[in-house]
Amino acid sequence: METDTEQYAGVAPGPEAPPEHEAPRTTGVTVEIVMDSFRVNGELFAPGVPRRLVDILNSNDMTYFIMNSGTLDDPLNPDADTRSFDVIQLDRSGILFAIPRGEVHKPDPFEVVRKKRIPSTVVLPGYEATGHLHLMPEADPKLVPIVSDHHFVPFTDVTVTADKGRSQVWREPLLIINMGRALFYGKKPASEEG
């Protein structure tokens, strides 16, 4: 009896061992977070693929956020000391608003939902923000709960006024507002919409 011992050319080797388990990817977003009396600048991390800052803030089910590094200072006092930290935990309810700094992640075109711009003003402790809230086209601002909502909501083309003994005014293209901290929301009259 003859046994064939020849190797066939071009035959793929047997299956390889599966790759080792990889830790979940994390992506960082450079952000400025304004609280009642302080500002935190640093990198906010979230697991998975890059996402918009508003999505990172709204998808966190915990009562706090973690930053791996950053600084703490007083946004209205340029003479105040800036302190640096390796690890930062931020109470979700302490955040008034967040401002993306650096590269802004653009959503996939298939994820974009058409919305209408509503000229609006929001008052937060120590701050007023006037810009555009974005709602679904059929949404009526009288019927949509906006104030005291637990979500972070993007406002665009924003003028921020801070009043801490002296008024400071600046513009931001995008502000992510913690509506759980909003004291007032107002839609501008149609006659003032521009």
N, C-alpha and C. Protein backbone atom coordinates (compact mmCIF):
# COMPACT_ATOMS: atom_id res chain seq x y z
N MET A 1 0.84 -1.17 0.00
CA MET A 1 0.00 0.00 0.00
C MET A 1 0.89 1.23 0.00
N GLU A 2 0.54 2.20 -0.84
CA GLU A 2 1.33 3.40 -0.99
C GLU A 2 0.66 4.55 -0.25
N THR A 3 1.46 5.39 0.40
CA THR A 3 0.95 6.55 1.11
C THR A 3 1.48 7.80 0.43
N ASP A 4 0.60 8.73 0.14
CA ASP A 4 0.99 9.98 -0.52
C ASP A 4 1.53 10.94 0.53
N THR A 5 2.76 11.35 0.41
CA THR A 5 3.36 12.26 1.38
C THR A 5 3.72 13.60 0.75
N GLU A 6 3.25 13.86 -0.45
CA GLU A 6 3.60 15.10 -1.13
C GLU A 6 2.80 16.27 -0.55
N GLN A 7 3.43 17.42 -0.50
CA GLN A 7 2.77 18.66 -0.09
C GLN A 7 2.28 19.36 -1.35
N TYR A 8 1.09 19.83 -1.33
CA TYR A 8 0.55 20.54 -2.49
C TYR A 8 0.93 22.01 -2.41
N ALA A 9 1.45 22.54 -3.50
CA ALA A 9 1.85 23.95 -3.56
C ALA A 9 0.60 24.83 -3.58
N GLY A 10 0.68 26.00 -2.94
CA GLY A 10 -0.41 26.96 -2.99
C GLY A 10 -1.54 26.67 -2.02
N VAL A 11 -1.40 25.70 -1.15
CA VAL A 11 -2.45 25.40 -0.19
C VAL A 11 -2.21 26.27 1.04
N ALA A 12 -3.23 26.92 1.49
CA ALA A 12 -3.11 27.79 2.66
C ALA A 12 -2.85 26.96 3.90
N PRO A 13 -2.03 27.47 4.81
CA PRO A 13 -1.78 26.74 6.05
C PRO A 13 -3.06 26.67 6.87
N GLY A 14 -3.05 25.84 7.88
CA GLY A 14 -4.22 25.66 8.74
C GLY A 14 -4.59 26.95 9.44
N PRO A 15 -5.71 26.94 10.12
CA PRO A 15 -6.18 28.18 10.77
C PRO A 15 -5.19 28.65 11.83
N GLU A 16 -5.06 29.99 11.89
CA GLU A 16 -4.18 30.58 12.89
C GLU A 16 -4.96 30.79 14.17
N ALA A 17 -4.22 30.95 15.23
CA ALA A 17 -4.86 31.22 16.52
C ALA A 17 -5.58 32.56 16.43
N PRO A 18 -6.73 32.69 17.09
CA PRO A 18 -7.44 33.97 17.04
C PRO A 18 -6.59 35.07 17.67
N PRO A 19 -6.76 36.32 17.22
CA PRO A 19 -5.97 37.40 17.81
C PRO A 19 -6.30 37.57 19.28
N GLU A 20 -5.31 38.05 20.02
CA GLU A 20 -5.53 38.27 21.44
C GLU A 20 -6.60 39.34 21.62
N HIS A 21 -7.32 39.25 22.73
CA HIS A 21 -8.38 40.22 23.02
C HIS A 21 -7.76 41.61 23.14
N GLU A 22 -8.30 42.54 22.41
CA GLU A 22 -7.80 43.91 22.46
C GLU A 22 -8.67 44.73 23.40
N ALA A 23 -8.03 45.65 24.09
CA ALA A 23 -8.78 46.56 24.95
C ALA A 23 -9.63 47.46 24.06
N PRO A 24 -10.81 47.88 24.54
CA PRO A 24 -11.65 48.76 23.73
C PRO A 24 -10.88 50.05 23.40
N ARG A 25 -11.05 50.50 22.17
CA ARG A 25 -10.41 51.75 21.78
C ARG A 25 -11.07 52.91 22.51
N THR A 26 -10.28 53.91 22.79
CA THR A 26 -10.85 55.13 23.35
C THR A 26 -10.42 56.29 22.46
N THR A 27 -11.26 57.27 22.40
CA THR A 27 -10.95 58.46 21.63
C THR A 27 -11.09 59.67 22.54
N GLY A 28 -10.22 60.62 22.36
CA GLY A 28 -10.26 61.81 23.19
C GLY A 28 -10.75 63.01 22.42
N VAL A 29 -11.44 63.89 23.13
CA VAL A 29 -11.92 65.15 22.56
C VAL A 29 -11.37 66.26 23.44
N THR A 30 -10.65 67.19 22.84
CA THR A 30 -10.15 68.33 23.60
C THR A 30 -11.33 69.26 23.86
N VAL A 31 -11.49 69.62 25.13
CA VAL A 31 -12.70 70.35 25.52
C VAL A 31 -12.40 71.37 26.61
N GLU A 32 -13.17 72.43 26.61
CA GLU A 32 -13.18 73.40 27.70
C GLU A 32 -14.54 73.25 28.37
N ILE A 33 -14.53 72.99 29.67
CA ILE A 33 -15.77 72.80 30.42
C ILE A 33 -15.89 73.92 31.44
N VAL A 34 -17.00 74.65 31.39
CA VAL A 34 -17.22 75.76 32.31
C VAL A 34 -18.21 75.31 33.38
N MET A 35 -17.79 75.52 34.64
CA MET A 35 -18.63 75.20 35.79
C MET A 35 -18.99 76.52 36.47
N ASP A 36 -19.65 76.46 37.63
CA ASP A 36 -20.08 77.69 38.30
C ASP A 36 -18.96 78.70 38.49
N SER A 37 -17.84 78.27 39.06
CA SER A 37 -16.76 79.20 39.37
C SER A 37 -15.44 78.83 38.73
N PHE A 38 -15.40 77.72 38.02
CA PHE A 38 -14.14 77.24 37.48
C PHE A 38 -14.29 76.79 36.04
N ARG A 39 -13.14 76.65 35.40
CA ARG A 39 -13.08 76.12 34.03
C ARG A 39 -12.06 74.99 34.02
N VAL A 40 -12.39 73.90 33.34
CA VAL A 40 -11.49 72.77 33.18
C VAL A 40 -11.17 72.64 31.69
N ASN A 41 -9.90 72.59 31.36
CA ASN A 41 -9.45 72.35 29.99
C ASN A 41 -8.71 71.03 29.96
N GLY A 42 -9.03 70.18 29.02
CA GLY A 42 -8.34 68.90 28.93
C GLY A 42 -8.95 68.01 27.89
N GLU A 43 -8.67 66.73 28.02
CA GLU A 43 -9.14 65.76 27.05
C GLU A 43 -10.12 64.81 27.71
N LEU A 44 -11.34 64.81 27.20
CA LEU A 44 -12.41 63.95 27.68
C LEU A 44 -12.38 62.69 26.83
N PHE A 45 -12.35 61.52 27.48
CA PHE A 45 -12.23 60.26 26.75
C PHE A 45 -13.54 59.51 26.74
N ALA A 46 -13.76 58.80 25.64
CA ALA A 46 -14.94 57.94 25.50
C ALA A 46 -14.52 56.69 24.76
N PRO A 47 -15.12 55.55 25.09
CA PRO A 47 -14.76 54.32 24.38
C PRO A 47 -15.30 54.33 22.96
N GLY A 48 -14.61 53.61 22.08
CA GLY A 48 -15.12 53.40 20.73
C GLY A 48 -14.62 54.40 19.71
N VAL A 49 -15.39 54.51 18.66
CA VAL A 49 -15.02 55.35 17.53
C VAL A 49 -15.20 56.82 17.87
N PRO A 50 -14.53 57.72 17.15
CA PRO A 50 -14.70 59.15 17.42
C PRO A 50 -16.16 59.58 17.28
N ARG A 51 -16.59 60.40 18.21
CA ARG A 51 -17.96 60.90 18.19
C ARG A 51 -17.95 62.39 18.49
N ARG A 52 -19.09 63.02 18.25
CA ARG A 52 -19.23 64.44 18.57
C ARG A 52 -19.24 64.60 20.09
N LEU A 53 -18.80 65.76 20.55
CA LEU A 53 -18.77 66.04 21.98
C LEU A 53 -20.15 65.89 22.60
N VAL A 54 -21.19 66.38 21.95
CA VAL A 54 -22.55 66.27 22.50
C VAL A 54 -22.94 64.80 22.69
N ASP A 55 -22.53 63.93 21.77
CA ASP A 55 -22.85 62.51 21.90
C ASP A 55 -22.10 61.87 23.06
N ILE A 56 -20.84 62.27 23.25
CA ILE A 56 -20.06 61.75 24.38
C ILE A 56 -20.71 62.17 25.69
N LEU A 57 -21.10 63.43 25.81
CA LEU A 57 -21.69 63.93 27.05
C LEU A 57 -23.04 63.26 27.33
N ASN A 58 -23.84 63.05 26.31
CA ASN A 58 -25.17 62.46 26.52
C ASN A 58 -25.15 60.95 26.68
N SER A 59 -24.10 60.28 26.24
CA SER A 59 -24.09 58.81 26.32
C SER A 59 -23.51 58.29 27.63
N ASN A 60 -22.97 59.16 28.45
CA ASN A 60 -22.39 58.74 29.73
C ASN A 60 -23.51 58.53 30.74
N ASP A 61 -23.67 57.29 31.22
CA ASP A 61 -24.72 56.98 32.19
C ASP A 61 -24.29 57.24 33.62
N MET A 62 -23.02 57.56 33.83
CA MET A 62 -22.54 57.81 35.18
C MET A 62 -22.84 59.25 35.59
N THR A 63 -22.67 59.53 36.86
CA THR A 63 -22.94 60.88 37.36
C THR A 63 -21.72 61.78 37.25
N TYR A 64 -20.64 61.26 36.69
CA TYR A 64 -19.42 62.04 36.55
C TYR A 64 -18.70 61.67 35.25
N PHE A 65 -17.77 62.54 34.87
CA PHE A 65 -16.94 62.32 33.70
C PHE A 65 -15.49 62.23 34.15
N ILE A 66 -14.68 61.51 33.39
CA ILE A 66 -13.26 61.36 33.70
C ILE A 66 -12.44 61.98 32.57
N MET A 67 -11.44 62.74 32.99
CA MET A 67 -10.46 63.28 32.05
C MET A 67 -9.10 62.78 32.53
N ASN A 68 -8.24 62.39 31.60
CA ASN A 68 -6.93 61.86 31.99
C ASN A 68 -5.93 62.95 32.32
N SER A 69 -6.12 64.12 31.84
CA SER A 69 -5.23 65.22 32.17
C SER A 69 -5.95 66.52 31.87
N GLY A 70 -5.48 67.58 32.51
CA GLY A 70 -6.11 68.86 32.25
C GLY A 70 -5.71 69.91 33.25
N THR A 71 -6.33 71.08 33.10
CA THR A 71 -6.05 72.20 34.00
C THR A 71 -7.35 72.73 34.59
N LEU A 72 -7.21 73.38 35.72
CA LEU A 72 -8.34 74.01 36.42
C LEU A 72 -7.98 75.46 36.64
N ASP A 73 -8.88 76.38 36.26
CA ASP A 73 -8.64 77.80 36.50
C ASP A 73 -9.97 78.53 36.62
N ASP A 74 -9.89 79.83 36.82
CA ASP A 74 -11.07 80.70 36.89
C ASP A 74 -11.20 81.38 35.53
N PRO A 75 -12.28 81.12 34.79
CA PRO A 75 -12.37 81.67 33.43
C PRO A 75 -12.50 83.18 33.38
N LEU A 76 -12.92 83.80 34.48
CA LEU A 76 -13.15 85.24 34.46
C LEU A 76 -12.07 86.03 35.19
N ASN A 77 -11.03 85.33 35.65
CA ASN A 77 -9.94 86.01 36.34
C ASN A 77 -8.61 85.57 35.73
N PRO A 78 -8.09 86.35 34.79
CA PRO A 78 -6.83 85.96 34.13
C PRO A 78 -5.64 85.92 35.08
N ASP A 79 -5.75 86.56 36.25
CA ASP A 79 -4.64 86.56 37.21
C ASP A 79 -4.68 85.36 38.15
N ALA A 80 -5.74 84.57 38.10
CA ALA A 80 -5.86 83.41 39.00
C ALA A 80 -4.86 82.33 38.59
N ASP A 81 -4.46 81.53 39.56
CA ASP A 81 -3.54 80.42 39.30
C ASP A 81 -4.22 79.35 38.47
N THR A 82 -3.43 78.72 37.61
CA THR A 82 -3.89 77.55 36.84
C THR A 82 -3.23 76.33 37.45
N ARG A 83 -4.04 75.35 37.78
CA ARG A 83 -3.52 74.11 38.38
C ARG A 83 -3.65 72.97 37.39
N SER A 84 -2.64 72.10 37.34
CA SER A 84 -2.63 70.95 36.42
C SER A 84 -2.88 69.66 37.18
N PHE A 85 -3.56 68.71 36.50
CA PHE A 85 -3.90 67.43 37.11
C PHE A 85 -3.71 66.31 36.09
N ASP A 86 -3.35 65.12 36.58
CA ASP A 86 -3.22 63.94 35.71
C ASP A 86 -4.56 63.25 35.50
N VAL A 87 -5.38 63.22 36.54
CA VAL A 87 -6.70 62.60 36.48
C VAL A 87 -7.71 63.58 37.05
N ILE A 88 -8.82 63.74 36.34
CA ILE A 88 -9.87 64.66 36.79
C ILE A 88 -11.20 63.93 36.74
N GLN A 89 -12.00 64.08 37.79
CA GLN A 89 -13.38 63.61 37.78
C GLN A 89 -14.26 64.85 37.89
N LEU A 90 -15.23 64.96 36.99
CA LEU A 90 -16.14 66.10 36.97
C LEU A 90 -17.56 65.64 37.26
N ASP A 91 -18.21 66.29 38.21
CA ASP A 91 -19.62 66.00 38.51
C ASP A 91 -20.45 66.48 37.32
N ARG A 92 -21.24 65.58 36.76
CA ARG A 92 -22.07 65.91 35.60
C ARG A 92 -22.96 67.13 35.87
N SER A 93 -23.54 67.19 37.07
CA SER A 93 -24.46 68.28 37.39
C SER A 93 -23.73 69.61 37.62
N GLY A 94 -22.41 69.58 37.76
CA GLY A 94 -21.65 70.81 37.95
C GLY A 94 -21.30 71.52 36.66
N ILE A 95 -21.49 70.84 35.54
CA ILE A 95 -21.12 71.40 34.24
C ILE A 95 -22.23 72.35 33.76
N LEU A 96 -21.86 73.58 33.43
CA LEU A 96 -22.80 74.52 32.83
C LEU A 96 -22.81 74.34 31.31
N PHE A 97 -21.63 74.39 30.72
CA PHE A 97 -21.53 74.17 29.28
C PHE A 97 -20.13 73.70 28.92
N ALA A 98 -20.04 73.10 27.74
CA ALA A 98 -18.77 72.60 27.22
C ALA A 98 -18.53 73.19 25.84
N ILE A 99 -17.26 73.44 25.55
CA ILE A 99 -16.88 74.01 24.27
C ILE A 99 -15.82 73.11 23.65
N PRO A 100 -16.09 72.56 22.47
CA PRO A 100 -15.04 71.74 21.84
C PRO A 100 -13.87 72.62 21.43
N ARG A 101 -12.68 72.15 21.69
CA ARG A 101 -11.45 72.84 21.30
C ARG A 101 -10.64 71.87 20.45
N GLY A 102 -9.99 72.36 19.45
CA GLY A 102 -9.25 71.45 18.57
C GLY A 102 -10.16 70.92 17.49
N GLU A 103 -9.85 69.72 17.02
CA GLU A 103 -10.59 69.12 15.91
C GLU A 103 -12.00 68.71 16.34
N VAL A 104 -12.99 69.10 15.54
CA VAL A 104 -14.39 68.75 15.81
C VAL A 104 -14.77 67.59 14.90
N HIS A 105 -15.29 66.52 15.50
CA HIS A 105 -15.69 65.34 14.72
C HIS A 105 -16.95 65.64 13.93
N LYS A 106 -16.90 65.40 12.65
CA LYS A 106 -18.07 65.57 11.79
C LYS A 106 -18.82 64.25 11.72
N PRO A 107 -20.13 64.25 11.91
CA PRO A 107 -20.88 63.00 11.86
C PRO A 107 -20.93 62.42 10.45
N ASP A 108 -21.16 61.13 10.39
CA ASP A 108 -21.36 60.44 9.12
C ASP A 108 -22.60 61.06 8.47
N PRO A 109 -22.57 61.34 7.16
CA PRO A 109 -23.74 61.94 6.50
C PRO A 109 -25.03 61.13 6.69
N PHE A 110 -24.89 59.83 6.89
CA PHE A 110 -26.08 58.99 7.09
C PHE A 110 -26.66 59.16 8.50
N GLU A 111 -25.87 59.76 9.42
CA GLU A 111 -26.34 59.99 10.79
C GLU A 111 -26.98 61.37 10.95
N VAL A 112 -26.83 62.23 9.96
CA VAL A 112 -27.32 63.61 10.07
C VAL A 112 -28.84 63.63 9.97
N VAL A 113 -29.44 64.36 10.91
CA VAL A 113 -30.89 64.52 10.93
C VAL A 113 -31.18 65.99 10.66
N ARG A 114 -32.07 66.26 9.73
CA ARG A 114 -32.43 67.64 9.39
C ARG A 114 -33.13 68.29 10.57
N LYS A 115 -32.70 69.51 10.91
CA LYS A 115 -33.30 70.25 12.02
C LYS A 115 -33.48 71.70 11.61
N LYS A 116 -34.33 72.40 12.38
CA LYS A 116 -34.51 73.84 12.12
C LYS A 116 -33.81 74.62 13.23
N ARG A 117 -33.28 75.79 12.84
CA ARG A 117 -32.58 76.66 13.79
C ARG A 117 -33.61 77.55 14.48
N ILE A 118 -33.57 77.59 15.80
CA ILE A 118 -34.47 78.42 16.59
C ILE A 118 -33.63 79.46 17.33
N PRO A 119 -33.74 80.76 16.98
CA PRO A 119 -33.01 81.79 17.72
C PRO A 119 -33.47 81.78 19.18
N SER A 120 -32.53 81.59 20.09
CA SER A 120 -32.89 81.36 21.49
C SER A 120 -31.87 81.96 22.44
N THR A 121 -32.32 82.10 23.69
CA THR A 121 -31.45 82.52 24.78
C THR A 121 -31.64 81.55 25.94
N VAL A 122 -30.52 81.18 26.55
CA VAL A 122 -30.54 80.34 27.75
C VAL A 122 -29.77 81.08 28.83
N VAL A 123 -30.32 81.08 30.05
CA VAL A 123 -29.64 81.67 31.19
C VAL A 123 -29.21 80.53 32.11
N LEU A 124 -27.93 80.54 32.45
CA LEU A 124 -27.32 79.58 33.37
C LEU A 124 -26.76 80.38 34.54
N PRO A 125 -26.45 79.75 35.67
CA PRO A 125 -25.87 80.52 36.78
C PRO A 125 -24.62 81.29 36.34
N GLY A 126 -24.71 82.63 36.35
CA GLY A 126 -23.58 83.48 36.00
C GLY A 126 -23.37 83.72 34.52
N TYR A 127 -24.17 83.10 33.65
CA TYR A 127 -23.95 83.21 32.21
C TYR A 127 -25.27 83.32 31.46
N GLU A 128 -25.21 84.00 30.32
CA GLU A 128 -26.32 84.02 29.37
C GLU A 128 -25.74 83.63 28.01
N ALA A 129 -26.44 82.74 27.31
CA ALA A 129 -25.99 82.29 25.99
C ALA A 129 -27.11 82.54 24.99
N THR A 130 -26.80 83.30 23.95
CA THR A 130 -27.78 83.59 22.90
C THR A 130 -27.23 83.05 21.58
N GLY A 131 -28.04 82.22 20.94
CA GLY A 131 -27.61 81.61 19.68
C GLY A 131 -28.76 80.86 19.06
N HIS A 132 -28.46 79.71 18.46
CA HIS A 132 -29.48 78.91 17.78
C HIS A 132 -29.56 77.51 18.38
N LEU A 133 -30.74 77.19 18.88
CA LEU A 133 -31.06 75.83 19.30
C LEU A 133 -31.55 75.12 18.05
N HIS A 134 -31.26 73.84 17.93
CA HIS A 134 -31.67 73.08 16.75
C HIS A 134 -32.70 72.04 17.17
N LEU A 135 -33.90 72.13 16.58
CA LEU A 135 -34.99 71.20 16.88
C LEU A 135 -35.46 70.52 15.60
N MET A 136 -36.15 69.41 15.78
CA MET A 136 -36.74 68.72 14.63
C MET A 136 -37.69 69.70 13.94
N PRO A 137 -37.84 69.60 12.62
CA PRO A 137 -38.66 70.58 11.88
C PRO A 137 -40.08 70.73 12.40
N GLU A 138 -40.70 69.66 12.87
CA GLU A 138 -42.09 69.74 13.33
C GLU A 138 -42.21 70.08 14.82
N ALA A 139 -41.08 70.22 15.53
CA ALA A 139 -41.11 70.48 16.97
C ALA A 139 -41.55 71.91 17.27
N ASP A 140 -42.41 72.05 18.25
CA ASP A 140 -42.89 73.36 18.71
C ASP A 140 -42.17 73.68 20.02
N PRO A 141 -41.37 74.77 20.08
CA PRO A 141 -40.65 75.09 21.31
C PRO A 141 -41.54 75.26 22.54
N LYS A 142 -42.85 75.53 22.32
CA LYS A 142 -43.77 75.63 23.47
C LYS A 142 -44.06 74.28 24.08
N LEU A 143 -43.95 73.22 23.28
CA LEU A 143 -44.34 71.89 23.74
C LEU A 143 -43.17 70.97 24.05
N VAL A 144 -41.97 71.34 23.61
CA VAL A 144 -40.79 70.49 23.84
C VAL A 144 -40.16 70.88 25.18
N PRO A 145 -39.98 69.93 26.10
CA PRO A 145 -39.32 70.28 27.36
C PRO A 145 -37.85 70.62 27.09
N ILE A 146 -37.47 71.84 27.42
CA ILE A 146 -36.10 72.28 27.16
C ILE A 146 -35.39 72.55 28.48
N VAL A 147 -35.97 73.37 29.35
CA VAL A 147 -35.37 73.68 30.64
C VAL A 147 -35.54 72.48 31.57
N SER A 148 -34.54 72.23 32.37
CA SER A 148 -34.53 71.13 33.35
C SER A 148 -34.49 69.76 32.71
N ASP A 149 -34.24 69.71 31.41
CA ASP A 149 -34.02 68.43 30.74
C ASP A 149 -32.64 67.94 31.19
N HIS A 150 -32.43 66.66 31.20
CA HIS A 150 -31.15 66.14 31.68
C HIS A 150 -30.12 65.97 30.56
N HIS A 151 -30.39 66.50 29.38
CA HIS A 151 -29.48 66.34 28.24
C HIS A 151 -28.56 67.54 28.05
N PHE A 152 -27.48 67.28 27.35
CA PHE A 152 -26.62 68.34 26.86
C PHE A 152 -27.10 68.66 25.45
N VAL A 153 -27.28 69.94 25.14
CA VAL A 153 -27.88 70.35 23.87
C VAL A 153 -26.94 71.33 23.16
N PRO A 154 -26.70 71.12 21.86
CA PRO A 154 -25.83 72.06 21.14
C PRO A 154 -26.55 73.34 20.75
N PHE A 155 -25.87 74.45 20.94
CA PHE A 155 -26.29 75.76 20.44
C PHE A 155 -25.19 76.21 19.48
N THR A 156 -25.57 76.83 18.38
CA THR A 156 -24.58 77.31 17.42
C THR A 156 -24.62 78.83 17.32
N ASP A 157 -23.53 79.40 16.81
CA ASP A 157 -23.41 80.85 16.62
C ASP A 157 -23.80 81.59 17.89
N VAL A 158 -23.08 81.30 18.97
CA VAL A 158 -23.47 81.72 20.31
C VAL A 158 -22.68 82.95 20.76
N THR A 159 -23.39 83.88 21.38
CA THR A 159 -22.76 84.97 22.12
C THR A 159 -22.95 84.65 23.59
N VAL A 160 -21.82 84.54 24.31
CA VAL A 160 -21.85 84.22 25.74
C VAL A 160 -21.57 85.49 26.51
N THR A 161 -22.41 85.78 27.50
CA THR A 161 -22.19 86.92 28.38
C THR A 161 -22.03 86.39 29.79
N ALA A 162 -20.89 86.72 30.40
CA ALA A 162 -20.61 86.31 31.77
C ALA A 162 -20.66 87.54 32.64
N ASP A 163 -21.31 87.43 33.78
CA ASP A 163 -21.40 88.58 34.68
C ASP A 163 -20.96 88.13 36.07
N LYS A 164 -19.73 88.46 36.38
CA LYS A 164 -19.17 88.12 37.69
C LYS A 164 -18.55 89.41 38.24
N GLY A 165 -19.41 90.40 38.46
CA GLY A 165 -18.93 91.69 38.90
C GLY A 165 -18.58 92.61 37.73
N ARG A 166 -18.16 92.01 36.61
CA ARG A 166 -17.88 92.78 35.40
C ARG A 166 -18.28 91.90 34.21
N SER A 167 -18.97 92.48 33.29
CA SER A 167 -19.45 91.69 32.16
C SER A 167 -18.32 91.37 31.19
N GLN A 168 -18.31 90.14 30.73
CA GLN A 168 -17.41 89.71 29.66
C GLN A 168 -18.26 89.06 28.59
N VAL A 169 -17.98 89.39 27.35
CA VAL A 169 -18.77 88.86 26.23
C VAL A 169 -17.81 88.24 25.24
N TRP A 170 -18.16 87.06 24.73
CA TRP A 170 -17.37 86.43 23.67
C TRP A 170 -18.27 85.56 22.81
N ARG A 171 -17.76 85.20 21.62
CA ARG A 171 -18.55 84.39 20.67
C ARG A 171 -17.93 83.02 20.55
N GLU A 172 -18.80 82.03 20.37
CA GLU A 172 -18.39 80.65 20.14
C GLU A 172 -19.21 80.09 18.99
N PRO A 173 -18.60 79.34 18.07
CA PRO A 173 -19.39 78.73 16.99
C PRO A 173 -20.28 77.61 17.51
N LEU A 174 -19.86 76.95 18.60
CA LEU A 174 -20.62 75.83 19.15
C LEU A 174 -20.47 75.78 20.65
N LEU A 175 -21.59 75.67 21.35
CA LEU A 175 -21.61 75.55 22.80
C LEU A 175 -22.53 74.38 23.13
N ILE A 176 -22.07 73.46 23.96
CA ILE A 176 -22.89 72.32 24.38
C ILE A 176 -23.38 72.65 25.79
N ILE A 177 -24.68 72.92 25.91
CA ILE A 177 -25.25 73.41 27.17
C ILE A 177 -25.90 72.28 27.95
N ASN A 178 -25.60 72.23 29.24
CA ASN A 178 -26.22 71.27 30.15
C ASN A 178 -27.60 71.84 30.53
N MET A 179 -28.65 71.34 29.89
CA MET A 179 -29.99 71.90 30.12
C MET A 179 -30.51 71.58 31.52
N GLY A 180 -29.88 70.65 32.22
CA GLY A 180 -30.22 70.41 33.62
C GLY A 180 -29.84 71.59 34.51
N ARG A 181 -28.98 72.47 34.02
CA ARG A 181 -28.55 73.65 34.77
C ARG A 181 -29.20 74.93 34.27
N ALA A 182 -29.98 74.85 33.19
CA ALA A 182 -30.60 76.05 32.62
C ALA A 182 -31.67 76.59 33.56
N LEU A 183 -31.63 77.89 33.81
CA LEU A 183 -32.61 78.55 34.67
C LEU A 183 -33.74 79.16 33.84
N PHE A 184 -33.45 79.42 32.57
CA PHE A 184 -34.40 80.11 31.70
C PHE A 184 -34.10 79.72 30.27
N TYR A 185 -35.15 79.53 29.49
CA TYR A 185 -35.02 79.35 28.04
C TYR A 185 -36.04 80.27 27.40
N GLY A 186 -35.65 80.99 26.38
CA GLY A 186 -36.58 81.84 25.65
C GLY A 186 -36.31 81.81 24.17
N LYS A 187 -37.38 81.67 23.40
CA LYS A 187 -37.29 81.74 21.93
C LYS A 187 -37.51 83.19 21.55
N LYS A 188 -36.65 83.70 20.68
CA LYS A 188 -36.81 85.08 20.24
C LYS A 188 -38.07 85.22 19.41
N PRO A 189 -38.73 86.40 19.47
CA PRO A 189 -39.91 86.63 18.62
C PRO A 189 -39.52 86.56 17.15
N ALA A 190 -40.47 86.19 16.32
CA ALA A 190 -40.23 86.07 14.88
C ALA A 190 -39.70 87.38 14.30
N SER A 191 -40.13 88.52 14.86
CA SER A 191 -39.69 89.82 14.35
C SER A 191 -38.19 90.04 14.57
N GLU A 192 -37.58 89.33 15.55
CA GLU A 192 -36.15 89.49 15.84
C GLU A 192 -35.31 88.39 15.22
N GLU A 193 -35.94 87.39 14.60
CA GLU A 193 -35.18 86.29 14.01
C GLU A 193 -34.42 86.82 12.81
N GLY A 194 -33.15 86.43 12.71
CA GLY A 194 -32.35 86.92 11.61
C GLY A 194 -31.75 85.84 10.89
